[in-house]
Amino acid sequence: MVNHGPSKGCSTCRKRRVKCDEERPSCRECLRLRRVCGGYESQKKTGDIRFKDQSTSARLLTPTSRFRSPRMSTTPGWTMQAVIPATISTGDESFAVCFFLTSIAGLGRSFHSTQGFLEPLLPVVSKEHPDSVLSTVLTAVSTKLWSMWKIPTNTYRTPHPPFARALGRLRAALNDPLERSKDSIVLSAILMHFYESLAARSTHQHTMRAHQEGARALLEDGAGSVPDSDCRAYLRSYLRHCDVSTYMETQPDDTLGLDAWFDAGWDHSLPANPNAVLDLIGLSIADLQKRLSTFMCELAKNNLDGLTLATWWQDASSVDAQLLDWVQLVPATWQPCKRPEEGTFGYFGFCDIYPTVQIATIWNVWRVCRLMVLRMKFYLLAKAPPEALQQTILIATEDSSFPDPNHGRKLVDSICRAMPFYLGNRQNHRGWHDLADPAIRIPNYHDRDFDEATRMQPFARTASLEQPD
């Protein structure tokens, strides 16, 4: 057998002693097995560098541990500086893509809980050619986030040539009827919107929705002519989630998109999970906002109907009841644990710890929904004239649906108790190497000082503090 010298495959395949197809930025073998592709050695000697999961859970494992869990890595807990030295170029695509797929697109996400677009990204990109449009867009987004993690002084204002290249590839694909019918092109457009959304928020600007609307147009254009895959159904669910969030946050005058989702009702082709149900309740809240805004216009004209207000009040109470029933859909494993924290780290001495950041966000969205219904009721009682509220007050008295400020305070307290779980004790933006700083504390289930009984026992029904007696 001819010896062709050392293998040129990725470091992961070389370590496993399997054949590597040497595709970039990540080989198909690693993507197929959902492993972290360690990348390829460049012509410059960079040492024995490997990309590894350096989360808190990974650092707590011993090198001999073989326990596997969705939240715990089997990677030995080496120091961050030894794994990702500062000499690595910010343009190292392999490391950047692996970091994005494992730490951003994969960590804490599943089809059974979250409602984003990142969940189908890994299955779709694993079937793509390394030079495809989706791979190019993924590389552009990954390398930008990677450079910002490595060098905190980098911002979205810093020029990023891979983004311009990805934009050109996407535009060219949209001119090809065969290309634009692919699920990967829809996902590419949404991934571009993700990049622009992060850039807009970091620079305190409004998010441009051109790529998001383009993805919507691609889905609508393919309806009936393109087979409806699980990926397309999930992306429709994501767009509905975006629409609901937008209408609840900004309350735009144009509600055609909202009306379309509201009239469609439950789409059985979309994923059914607690987050999807919360989106449907959010549609009802957005509708209540729209009707309340109309009432205020009628109030200016002294043309307010008491029966109409009473009907709105009943609908608002029904939505609040749906939010309370939603808690019963939540798995027991989603419940947070309430942990005492000393000093100024916690909120009034306590911090709520959740299984994942995504699940914590879903709980907080639910709390915000309840606060919005509560606020609208208070607003109506404060603004509407007493003569128009007679029927409403009668109904509220009969069904005990008067808003209670104490319920709002408890909801806000629960949101505040989640902040240490999100941010830890950090006071400003941090970089990649700062994650190894022992002074930084981010409470989680894997803390060594976390009582085992508390870790394994779900917090006694979050809703008990937030539901009316």
Protein backbone atom coordinates (compact mmCIF):
# COMPACT_ATOMS: atom_id res chain seq x y z
CA MET A 1 0.00 0.00 0.00
CA VAL A 2 1.32 3.41 -0.95
CA ASN A 3 1.94 5.74 1.97
CA HIS A 4 0.61 9.18 1.07
CA GLY A 5 1.84 10.71 4.31
CA PRO A 6 -0.18 12.02 7.25
CA SER A 7 -3.94 12.19 6.88
CA LYS A 8 -5.30 15.54 5.75
CA GLY A 9 -8.74 14.88 7.20
CA CYS A 10 -10.34 16.86 9.98
CA SER A 11 -8.94 16.42 13.45
CA THR A 12 -12.11 14.68 14.69
CA CYS A 13 -12.02 11.97 11.99
CA ARG A 14 -8.27 11.53 12.49
CA LYS A 15 -8.76 11.01 16.19
CA ARG A 16 -11.57 8.50 15.53
CA ARG A 17 -9.41 6.83 12.81
CA VAL A 18 -12.16 6.98 10.19
CA LYS A 19 -12.05 8.19 6.60
CA CYS A 20 -12.77 11.89 6.17
CA ASP A 21 -14.15 13.42 2.96
CA GLU A 22 -12.17 16.61 3.77
CA GLU A 23 -15.07 18.89 2.87
CA ARG A 24 -15.06 22.39 4.31
CA PRO A 25 -15.99 24.06 6.53
CA SER A 26 -17.18 20.83 8.20
CA CYS A 27 -16.88 17.29 6.86
CA ARG A 28 -20.05 15.33 6.15
CA GLU A 29 -19.10 12.52 8.54
CA CYS A 30 -19.05 14.88 11.53
CA LEU A 31 -22.25 16.63 10.44
CA ARG A 32 -23.98 13.28 9.92
CA LEU A 33 -23.09 12.12 13.43
CA ARG A 34 -23.70 15.61 14.89
CA ARG A 35 -20.14 15.74 16.14
CA VAL A 36 -18.01 18.83 16.45
CA CYS A 37 -15.76 18.91 13.38
CA GLY A 38 -12.34 19.82 14.72
CA GLY A 39 -11.31 21.50 11.47
CA TYR A 40 -8.18 21.13 9.37
CA GLU A 41 -4.61 22.04 10.06
CA SER A 42 -3.55 25.06 8.09
CA GLN A 43 -0.17 25.39 6.42
CA LYS A 44 0.95 27.41 9.42
CA LYS A 45 1.58 25.32 12.48
CA THR A 46 -0.97 26.29 15.08
CA GLY A 47 -0.34 23.42 17.47
CA ASP A 48 -2.74 20.73 18.55
CA ILE A 49 -5.85 22.93 18.55
CA ARG A 50 -9.28 21.40 18.88
CA PHE A 51 -12.69 23.05 19.20
CA LYS A 52 -14.33 21.86 22.37
CA ASP A 53 -17.43 22.57 24.39
CA GLN A 54 -16.28 24.76 27.27
CA SER A 55 -19.64 25.37 28.89
CA THR A 56 -20.03 25.06 32.64
CA SER A 57 -21.39 21.54 32.26
CA ALA A 58 -18.39 20.44 30.21
CA ARG A 59 -15.87 21.84 32.69
CA LEU A 60 -17.46 19.94 35.57
CA LEU A 61 -16.95 16.53 33.94
CA THR A 62 -13.83 14.54 34.70
CA PRO A 63 -11.73 13.30 31.75
CA THR A 64 -12.87 9.70 32.38
CA SER A 65 -16.59 10.42 32.53
CA ARG A 66 -18.75 8.61 30.03
CA PHE A 67 -22.12 9.99 31.09
CA ARG A 68 -23.95 11.50 28.15
CA SER A 69 -26.67 14.10 28.43
CA PRO A 70 -28.09 16.77 26.09
CA ARG A 71 -26.70 19.45 28.40
CA MET A 72 -23.40 17.81 29.39
CA SER A 73 -20.42 17.23 27.14
CA THR A 74 -17.92 14.36 27.43
CA THR A 75 -15.06 16.68 26.50
CA PRO A 76 -12.33 16.91 29.16
CA GLY A 77 -12.39 20.16 31.08
CA TRP A 78 -9.26 21.81 29.72
CA THR A 79 -8.64 25.50 30.09
CA MET A 80 -10.11 27.83 27.49
CA GLN A 81 -6.76 29.36 26.59
CA ALA A 82 -5.33 25.96 25.67
CA VAL A 83 -8.20 25.20 23.31
CA ILE A 84 -8.83 28.54 21.61
CA PRO A 85 -5.61 30.56 21.67
CA ALA A 86 -5.55 34.14 20.47
CA THR A 87 -3.38 33.21 17.48
CA ILE A 88 -6.30 31.68 15.57
CA SER A 89 -7.44 33.91 12.76
CA THR A 90 -10.95 35.32 12.98
CA GLY A 91 -11.43 34.07 9.43
CA ASP A 92 -11.01 30.43 10.45
CA GLU A 93 -14.28 29.21 8.98
CA SER A 94 -14.13 25.69 10.36
CA PHE A 95 -13.93 26.74 13.99
CA ALA A 96 -16.54 29.43 13.50
CA VAL A 97 -19.11 27.11 11.90
CA CYS A 98 -18.56 24.42 14.52
CA PHE A 99 -18.97 26.99 17.27
CA PHE A 100 -22.21 28.27 15.75
CA LEU A 101 -23.75 24.84 15.11
CA THR A 102 -22.94 23.48 18.56
CA SER A 103 -23.13 26.47 20.90
CA ILE A 104 -25.80 28.60 19.21
CA ALA A 105 -27.90 26.46 16.88
CA GLY A 106 -27.86 23.29 18.95
CA LEU A 107 -27.33 23.96 22.64
CA GLY A 108 -30.62 23.85 24.57
CA ARG A 109 -32.82 23.68 21.47
CA SER A 110 -35.22 20.95 20.38
CA PHE A 111 -38.23 20.56 18.12
CA HIS A 112 -40.33 19.78 21.20
CA SER A 113 -39.80 23.11 22.92
CA THR A 114 -38.41 26.06 21.01
CA GLN A 115 -40.02 27.76 18.04
CA GLY A 116 -37.14 29.25 16.08
CA PHE A 117 -35.47 28.58 12.76
CA LEU A 118 -32.20 27.22 14.17
CA GLU A 119 -33.63 23.79 15.02
CA PRO A 120 -33.90 22.58 11.39
CA LEU A 121 -30.60 24.24 10.41
CA LEU A 122 -28.31 21.31 11.24
CA PRO A 123 -30.39 18.62 9.46
CA VAL A 124 -30.67 20.80 6.34
CA VAL A 125 -27.07 22.00 6.17
CA SER A 126 -25.76 18.45 6.66
CA LYS A 127 -27.21 17.59 3.23
CA GLU A 128 -25.79 20.67 1.54
CA HIS A 129 -22.59 20.96 -0.50
CA PRO A 130 -19.91 23.00 1.30
CA ASP A 131 -20.12 25.59 -1.48
CA SER A 132 -23.91 25.85 -1.45
CA VAL A 133 -25.79 29.08 -0.78
CA LEU A 134 -26.83 27.96 2.70
CA SER A 135 -23.27 26.95 3.60
CA THR A 136 -22.00 30.34 2.38
CA VAL A 137 -24.59 32.23 4.44
CA LEU A 138 -23.90 30.05 7.47
CA THR A 139 -20.19 30.76 7.15
CA ALA A 140 -20.81 34.52 6.95
CA VAL A 141 -22.98 34.54 10.07
CA SER A 142 -20.72 32.16 11.98
CA THR A 143 -17.47 33.98 11.27
CA LYS A 144 -18.96 37.30 12.32
CA LEU A 145 -20.22 35.99 15.65
CA TRP A 146 -16.96 34.12 16.16
CA SER A 147 -14.88 37.25 15.60
CA MET A 148 -17.03 39.20 18.05
CA TRP A 149 -16.61 36.50 20.68
CA LYS A 150 -12.84 36.47 20.18
CA ILE A 151 -12.42 40.24 19.99
CA PRO A 152 -15.14 42.04 22.00
CA THR A 153 -14.12 45.36 20.42
CA ASN A 154 -15.39 44.09 17.05
CA THR A 155 -18.92 45.24 16.25
CA TYR A 156 -21.42 44.88 13.46
CA ARG A 157 -20.10 48.16 12.11
CA THR A 158 -16.80 46.39 11.35
CA PRO A 159 -16.70 45.43 7.62
CA HIS A 160 -17.35 41.73 7.05
CA PRO A 161 -16.57 40.57 3.47
CA PRO A 162 -18.16 37.08 3.87
CA PHE A 163 -21.54 38.76 4.40
CA ALA A 164 -21.30 40.58 1.06
CA ARG A 165 -20.31 37.32 -0.62
CA ALA A 166 -23.26 35.49 0.94
CA LEU A 167 -25.62 38.27 -0.10
CA GLY A 168 -24.46 37.97 -3.71
CA ARG A 169 -24.90 34.19 -3.71
CA LEU A 170 -28.41 34.47 -2.30
CA ARG A 171 -29.44 37.07 -4.88
CA ALA A 172 -28.15 34.85 -7.69
CA ALA A 173 -30.06 31.85 -6.32
CA LEU A 174 -33.32 33.80 -6.21
CA ASN A 175 -33.06 34.35 -9.97
CA ASP A 176 -32.98 30.58 -10.54
CA PRO A 177 -36.48 28.98 -10.35
CA LEU A 178 -35.02 25.62 -9.34
CA GLU A 179 -32.85 27.08 -6.59
CA ARG A 180 -35.52 29.26 -5.02
CA SER A 181 -37.85 26.28 -4.63
CA LYS A 182 -35.42 24.62 -2.21
CA ASP A 183 -35.93 24.62 1.54
CA SER A 184 -32.30 25.62 1.98
CA ILE A 185 -32.86 28.93 0.16
CA VAL A 186 -35.77 29.82 2.45
CA LEU A 187 -33.59 28.98 5.42
CA SER A 188 -30.75 31.06 3.95
CA ALA A 189 -33.01 34.12 3.74
CA ILE A 190 -34.11 33.68 7.35
CA LEU A 191 -30.49 33.23 8.46
CA MET A 192 -29.61 36.51 6.73
CA HIS A 193 -32.47 38.18 8.61
CA PHE A 194 -31.05 36.73 11.84
CA TYR A 195 -27.71 38.38 11.09
CA GLU A 196 -29.31 41.73 10.27
CA SER A 197 -31.53 41.55 13.35
CA LEU A 198 -28.53 41.07 15.63
CA ALA A 199 -26.73 43.91 13.87
CA ALA A 200 -29.71 46.25 14.24
CA ARG A 201 -30.16 45.50 17.94
CA SER A 202 -26.47 45.98 18.69
CA THR A 203 -26.50 49.39 17.00
CA HIS A 204 -29.92 50.40 18.40
CA GLN A 205 -31.58 50.59 14.99
CA HIS A 206 -34.79 49.20 13.55
CA THR A 207 -34.49 45.74 12.04
CA MET A 208 -34.88 45.58 8.28
CA ARG A 209 -37.34 42.82 7.43
CA ALA A 210 -36.54 42.44 3.74
CA HIS A 211 -35.07 38.96 4.10
CA GLN A 212 -37.81 37.81 6.46
CA GLU A 213 -40.49 38.99 4.04
CA GLY A 214 -38.53 37.37 1.23
CA ALA A 215 -38.61 34.05 3.05
CA ARG A 216 -42.35 34.44 3.52
CA ALA A 217 -42.76 35.14 -0.20
CA LEU A 218 -40.71 32.05 -1.07
CA LEU A 219 -42.92 29.87 1.12
CA GLU A 220 -46.09 31.32 -0.37
CA ASP A 221 -44.71 31.06 -3.91
CA GLY A 222 -43.94 27.38 -3.39
CA ALA A 223 -47.33 26.54 -1.88
CA GLY A 224 -48.99 23.95 -4.10
CA SER A 225 -46.02 23.52 -6.42
CA VAL A 226 -43.32 22.49 -3.94
CA PRO A 227 -43.80 19.43 -1.67
CA ASP A 228 -44.56 20.54 1.88
CA SER A 229 -41.65 19.23 3.94
CA ASP A 230 -41.26 19.22 7.70
CA CYS A 231 -38.71 22.00 7.30
CA ARG A 232 -41.13 24.28 5.44
CA ALA A 233 -43.84 23.63 8.04
CA TYR A 234 -41.44 24.51 10.83
CA LEU A 235 -40.33 27.69 9.08
CA ARG A 236 -43.98 28.74 8.65
CA SER A 237 -44.37 28.23 12.38
CA TYR A 238 -41.33 30.43 12.97
CA LEU A 239 -42.76 33.22 10.79
CA ARG A 240 -46.03 33.05 12.69
CA HIS A 241 -44.07 33.36 15.91
CA CYS A 242 -42.28 36.45 14.50
CA ASP A 243 -45.57 38.03 13.42
CA VAL A 244 -47.19 37.49 16.80
CA SER A 245 -44.18 38.99 18.59
CA THR A 246 -44.14 41.99 16.24
CA TYR A 247 -47.83 42.75 16.64
CA MET A 248 -47.70 42.42 20.41
CA GLU A 249 -44.63 44.65 20.65
CA THR A 250 -45.27 47.39 18.08
CA GLN A 251 -49.06 47.22 17.48
CA PRO A 252 -48.84 48.32 13.80
CA ASP A 253 -51.85 49.73 11.99
CA ASP A 254 -51.54 47.15 9.20
CA THR A 255 -52.91 43.91 10.65
CA LEU A 256 -53.45 41.93 7.45
CA GLY A 257 -50.80 39.40 8.43
CA LEU A 258 -52.29 39.07 11.89
CA ASP A 259 -55.78 38.58 10.47
CA ALA A 260 -54.51 35.86 8.15
CA TRP A 261 -52.97 33.87 11.01
CA PHE A 262 -56.02 34.48 13.20
CA ASP A 263 -58.44 33.28 10.53
CA ALA A 264 -56.29 30.23 9.80
CA GLY A 265 -56.53 29.03 13.40
CA TRP A 266 -54.62 25.90 14.33
CA ASP A 267 -52.52 24.53 11.49
CA HIS A 268 -52.05 20.80 12.07
CA SER A 269 -49.01 20.79 9.79
CA LEU A 270 -47.16 23.04 12.26
CA PRO A 271 -45.32 21.65 15.30
CA ALA A 272 -47.51 21.23 18.37
CA ASN A 273 -45.65 22.20 21.53
CA PRO A 274 -46.29 24.60 24.44
CA ASN A 275 -44.53 27.41 22.60
CA ALA A 276 -46.79 26.99 19.55
CA VAL A 277 -49.88 27.08 21.78
CA LEU A 278 -48.55 30.25 23.39
CA ASP A 279 -48.27 31.79 19.91
CA LEU A 280 -51.97 31.13 19.29
CA ILE A 281 -52.86 32.78 22.59
CA GLY A 282 -50.60 35.65 21.55
CA LEU A 283 -52.75 36.09 18.43
CA SER A 284 -55.77 36.61 20.68
CA ILE A 285 -53.85 39.14 22.78
CA ALA A 286 -52.86 41.06 19.65
CA ASP A 287 -56.52 41.05 18.60
CA LEU A 288 -57.51 42.43 22.02
CA GLN A 289 -54.94 45.21 21.60
CA LYS A 290 -56.34 46.10 18.20
CA ARG A 291 -59.92 46.24 19.49
CA LEU A 292 -58.93 48.29 22.55
CA SER A 293 -57.19 50.79 20.29
CA THR A 294 -60.43 51.08 18.30
CA PHE A 295 -62.35 51.72 21.53
CA MET A 296 -60.07 54.61 22.40
CA CYS A 297 -60.77 56.16 18.98
CA GLU A 298 -64.49 55.79 19.63
CA LEU A 299 -64.02 57.36 23.06
CA ALA A 300 -62.69 60.52 21.43
CA LYS A 301 -65.90 60.65 19.39
CA ASN A 302 -68.12 59.97 22.43
CA ASN A 303 -69.42 56.91 20.61
CA LEU A 304 -68.55 54.11 23.06
CA ASP A 305 -70.95 51.17 23.39
CA GLY A 306 -71.23 49.57 26.83
CA LEU A 307 -72.16 46.16 25.41
CA THR A 308 -69.09 46.19 23.17
CA LEU A 309 -66.86 46.91 26.16
CA ALA A 310 -68.48 44.11 28.15
CA THR A 311 -67.88 41.67 25.30
CA TRP A 312 -64.23 42.72 25.10
CA TRP A 313 -63.88 42.21 28.85
CA GLN A 314 -65.26 38.68 28.60
CA ASP A 315 -62.85 37.90 25.76
CA ALA A 316 -59.93 39.27 27.78
CA SER A 317 -60.91 37.13 30.77
CA SER A 318 -61.14 34.11 28.46
CA VAL A 319 -57.61 34.75 27.15
CA ASP A 320 -56.32 35.06 30.71
CA ALA A 321 -57.95 31.72 31.53
CA GLN A 322 -56.22 30.17 28.51
CA LEU A 323 -52.89 31.45 29.81
CA LEU A 324 -53.56 29.83 33.18
CA ASP A 325 -54.52 26.56 31.47
CA TRP A 326 -51.31 26.73 29.40
CA VAL A 327 -49.32 25.98 32.54
CA GLN A 328 -50.84 22.48 32.57
CA LEU A 329 -49.27 21.78 29.15
CA VAL A 330 -45.76 22.49 30.38
CA PRO A 331 -43.66 19.38 31.17
CA ALA A 332 -42.57 18.98 34.77
CA THR A 333 -38.95 19.16 33.61
CA TRP A 334 -39.52 22.75 32.48
CA GLN A 335 -40.20 23.96 36.00
CA PRO A 336 -37.51 26.24 37.46
CA CYS A 337 -35.78 25.74 40.79
CA LYS A 338 -35.79 28.58 43.27
CA ARG A 339 -32.35 29.02 44.77
CA PRO A 340 -31.24 31.43 47.52
CA GLU A 341 -28.41 33.78 46.52
CA GLU A 342 -26.44 35.92 48.92
CA GLY A 343 -25.55 39.57 48.48
CA THR A 344 -26.62 41.58 45.46
CA PHE A 345 -26.32 38.68 43.03
CA GLY A 346 -29.92 37.48 43.34
CA TYR A 347 -33.23 39.31 43.27
CA PHE A 348 -34.22 39.91 46.90
CA GLY A 349 -31.97 37.01 47.81
CA PHE A 350 -33.28 34.49 45.25
CA CYS A 351 -32.64 33.29 41.71
CA ASP A 352 -34.74 30.97 39.52
CA ILE A 353 -32.75 28.36 37.59
CA TYR A 354 -34.18 26.76 34.43
CA PRO A 355 -33.15 23.73 32.35
CA THR A 356 -32.17 25.97 29.41
CA VAL A 357 -32.15 29.63 28.45
CA GLN A 358 -34.77 28.91 25.79
CA ILE A 359 -37.21 27.42 28.32
CA ALA A 360 -36.63 30.38 30.64
CA THR A 361 -37.54 32.70 27.76
CA ILE A 362 -40.76 30.80 27.05
CA TRP A 363 -41.79 31.18 30.69
CA ASN A 364 -41.05 34.90 30.58
CA VAL A 365 -43.05 35.31 27.37
CA TRP A 366 -45.96 33.68 29.17
CA ARG A 367 -45.57 36.12 32.06
CA VAL A 368 -45.42 39.09 29.69
CA CYS A 369 -48.63 37.86 28.03
CA ARG A 370 -50.39 37.81 31.39
CA LEU A 371 -49.05 41.28 32.20
CA MET A 372 -50.35 42.61 28.88
CA VAL A 373 -53.87 41.33 29.56
CA LEU A 374 -53.69 42.79 33.07
CA ARG A 375 -52.49 46.15 31.75
CA MET A 376 -55.24 46.33 29.12
CA LYS A 377 -57.91 45.73 31.75
CA PHE A 378 -56.52 48.47 33.99
CA TYR A 379 -56.29 50.80 30.99
CA LEU A 380 -59.92 50.23 30.05
CA LEU A 381 -61.14 50.82 33.60
CA ALA A 382 -59.10 54.03 33.83
CA LYS A 383 -60.01 55.54 30.44
CA ALA A 384 -63.60 54.53 29.74
CA PRO A 385 -66.40 56.69 31.22
CA PRO A 386 -68.33 55.15 34.16
CA GLU A 387 -71.63 55.04 32.25
CA ALA A 388 -70.05 52.87 29.54
CA LEU A 389 -68.53 50.50 32.09
CA GLN A 390 -71.68 49.53 33.96
CA GLN A 391 -72.15 46.20 32.18
CA THR A 392 -68.42 45.50 32.30
CA ILE A 393 -68.28 46.06 36.06
CA LEU A 394 -71.31 43.82 36.53
CA ILE A 395 -69.63 40.99 34.59
CA ALA A 396 -66.32 41.48 36.40
CA THR A 397 -68.10 41.32 39.75
CA GLU A 398 -69.92 38.10 38.86
CA ASP A 399 -66.87 36.20 37.58
CA SER A 400 -64.29 37.84 39.90
CA SER A 401 -62.25 39.05 36.93
CA PHE A 402 -61.21 42.42 38.35
CA PRO A 403 -57.45 42.85 37.83
CA ASP A 404 -55.31 42.53 40.95
CA PRO A 405 -52.09 44.61 41.09
CA ASN A 406 -50.53 41.94 43.34
CA HIS A 407 -50.69 39.42 40.49
CA GLY A 408 -48.74 41.82 38.31
CA ARG A 409 -46.12 42.33 41.01
CA LYS A 410 -45.62 38.57 41.39
CA LEU A 411 -45.20 38.16 37.64
CA VAL A 412 -42.60 40.92 37.52
CA ASP A 413 -40.78 39.38 40.49
CA SER A 414 -40.58 36.06 38.63
CA ILE A 415 -39.09 37.77 35.57
CA CYS A 416 -36.53 39.56 37.72
CA ARG A 417 -35.53 36.33 39.46
CA ALA A 418 -34.61 34.91 36.04
CA MET A 419 -32.13 37.69 35.25
CA PRO A 420 -29.18 36.19 37.21
CA PHE A 421 -29.74 32.93 35.30
CA TYR A 422 -29.39 34.82 32.01
CA LEU A 423 -26.54 37.18 32.91
CA GLY A 424 -24.82 35.84 36.00
CA ASN A 425 -22.85 38.52 37.80
CA ARG A 426 -21.53 40.12 34.61
CA GLN A 427 -21.69 43.89 34.34
CA ASN A 428 -20.67 44.34 30.70
CA HIS A 429 -19.99 42.51 27.44
CA ARG A 430 -17.45 39.74 27.68
CA GLY A 431 -15.21 37.92 25.25
CA TRP A 432 -14.38 34.29 24.64
CA HIS A 433 -11.45 34.06 27.08
CA ASP A 434 -13.45 35.72 29.85
CA LEU A 435 -15.60 32.58 30.11
CA ALA A 436 -12.70 30.95 31.96
CA ASP A 437 -12.65 33.78 34.51
CA PRO A 438 -13.44 32.20 37.92
CA ALA A 439 -14.88 35.50 39.10
CA ILE A 440 -17.79 35.18 36.65
CA ARG A 441 -20.73 33.28 38.11
CA ILE A 442 -23.65 32.02 36.06
CA PRO A 443 -26.01 29.88 38.19
CA ASN A 444 -27.15 26.62 36.60
CA TYR A 445 -28.21 23.06 37.40
CA HIS A 446 -24.62 21.83 37.30
CA ASP A 447 -23.21 24.04 40.05
CA ARG A 448 -21.27 21.91 42.50
CA ASP A 449 -22.78 23.69 45.47
CA PHE A 450 -26.30 23.20 44.19
CA ASP A 451 -28.17 20.94 46.59
CA GLU A 452 -28.90 17.59 44.89
CA ALA A 453 -32.46 17.37 46.24
CA THR A 454 -33.18 20.86 44.96
CA ARG A 455 -31.64 20.05 41.59
CA MET A 456 -33.80 16.98 41.03
CA GLN A 457 -37.05 18.34 42.44
CA PRO A 458 -38.95 20.77 40.17
CA PHE A 459 -39.86 24.07 41.71
CA ALA A 460 -43.30 23.78 43.26
CA ARG A 461 -45.45 24.94 40.38
CA THR A 462 -44.37 28.37 39.23
CA ALA A 463 -47.99 29.29 38.66
CA SER A 464 -48.79 28.95 42.37
CA LEU A 465 -47.14 32.34 42.89
CA GLU A 466 -48.64 33.83 39.78
CA GLN A 467 -52.21 32.52 39.58
CA PRO A 468 -55.09 34.14 41.42
CA ASP A 469 -56.15 32.46 44.63
